[in-house]
Amino acid sequence: MSRYQEIKKATAEVVIRVVKKASTKKAHAAIRDFIVANPIMSYQQIADYLGCSRWLIYQVAVEFNIRRVRGTGGPDRLQEE
């Protein structure tokens, strides 16, 4: 393999990593926005809706420090009459 091919291959790998990282940041930001916009939905429901794992939803919530009330009796889930 020539030196040019080695450099080209190494550069391609770096470019792919940068693109994946940028698209991952955008995807995580979109998931964060969805979590914040839908406080009534559980993480499992969000994961089912978005077609991803519940683990990913949890990881994004931790990454952006999103806190939600646990259980069905929390103030976010109570309906005012």
Protein backbone atom coordinates (compact mmCIF):
# COMPACT_ATOMS: atom_id res chain seq x y z
CA MET A 1 0.00 0.00 0.00
CA SER A 2 1.35 3.39 -0.93
CA ARG A 3 1.84 6.16 1.58
CA TYR A 4 -0.89 8.20 -0.16
CA GLN A 5 -3.40 5.41 0.28
CA GLU A 6 -2.47 5.10 3.95
CA ILE A 7 -2.94 8.84 4.47
CA LYS A 8 -6.21 8.83 2.52
CA LYS A 9 -7.54 5.93 4.55
CA ALA A 10 -6.52 7.54 7.85
CA THR A 11 -8.10 10.85 6.80
CA ALA A 12 -11.32 9.12 5.77
CA GLU A 13 -11.56 7.44 9.17
CA VAL A 14 -11.07 10.78 10.94
CA VAL A 15 -13.68 12.49 8.75
CA ILE A 16 -16.20 9.73 9.39
CA ARG A 17 -15.66 9.98 13.15
CA VAL A 18 -16.16 13.77 13.08
CA VAL A 19 -19.35 13.48 11.01
CA LYS A 20 -20.71 10.76 13.29
CA LYS A 21 -19.92 12.85 16.34
CA ALA A 22 -21.66 15.92 14.88
CA SER A 23 -24.73 13.93 13.87
CA THR A 24 -24.80 12.27 17.30
CA LYS A 25 -24.83 15.68 18.98
CA LYS A 26 -27.72 16.78 16.78
CA ALA A 27 -29.63 13.56 17.45
CA HIS A 28 -29.12 13.88 21.20
CA ALA A 29 -30.27 17.50 21.09
CA ALA A 30 -33.41 16.44 19.20
CA ILE A 31 -34.12 13.70 21.75
CA ARG A 32 -33.57 16.21 24.57
CA ASP A 33 -36.09 18.58 22.99
CA PHE A 34 -38.60 15.74 22.63
CA ILE A 35 -38.20 14.70 26.28
CA VAL A 36 -38.70 18.27 27.48
CA ALA A 37 -41.68 18.85 25.16
CA ASN A 38 -43.47 15.67 26.34
CA PRO A 39 -43.31 15.57 30.14
CA ILE A 40 -46.27 13.19 30.42
CA MET A 41 -44.74 10.46 28.27
CA SER A 42 -42.56 7.88 29.99
CA TYR A 43 -39.06 7.19 28.72
CA GLN A 44 -40.27 3.83 27.39
CA GLN A 45 -43.07 5.52 25.45
CA ILE A 46 -40.61 8.06 24.03
CA ALA A 47 -38.23 5.27 23.05
CA ASP A 48 -41.05 3.35 21.33
CA TYR A 49 -42.19 6.50 19.52
CA LEU A 50 -38.69 7.40 18.33
CA GLY A 51 -37.74 3.80 17.55
CA CYS A 52 -34.71 3.66 19.82
CA SER A 53 -33.82 2.05 23.12
CA ARG A 54 -34.96 3.27 26.52
CA TRP A 55 -31.29 3.23 27.53
CA LEU A 56 -30.53 5.91 24.92
CA ILE A 57 -33.33 8.09 26.28
CA TYR A 58 -31.94 7.72 29.80
CA GLN A 59 -28.41 8.53 28.60
CA VAL A 60 -29.56 11.70 26.84
CA ALA A 61 -31.50 12.76 29.94
CA VAL A 62 -28.38 12.29 32.05
CA GLU A 63 -26.20 14.05 29.48
CA PHE A 64 -28.40 17.16 29.56
CA ASN A 65 -29.28 16.86 33.28
CA ILE A 66 -33.01 16.48 32.65
CA ARG A 67 -34.90 15.67 35.85
CA ARG A 68 -38.43 14.28 35.89
CA VAL A 69 -40.80 13.39 38.70
CA ARG A 70 -41.07 9.65 39.32
CA GLY A 71 -44.39 7.86 39.65
CA THR A 72 -47.92 8.69 38.66
CA GLY A 73 -48.69 11.04 41.55
CA GLY A 74 -46.18 13.71 40.68
CA PRO A 75 -47.22 17.31 40.09
CA ASP A 76 -46.44 17.03 36.37
CA ARG A 77 -49.02 14.28 35.97
CA LEU A 78 -51.82 15.65 38.10
CA GLN A 79 -54.67 17.11 36.12
CA GLU A 80 -56.24 20.26 37.38
CA GLU A 81 -60.01 20.28 37.33
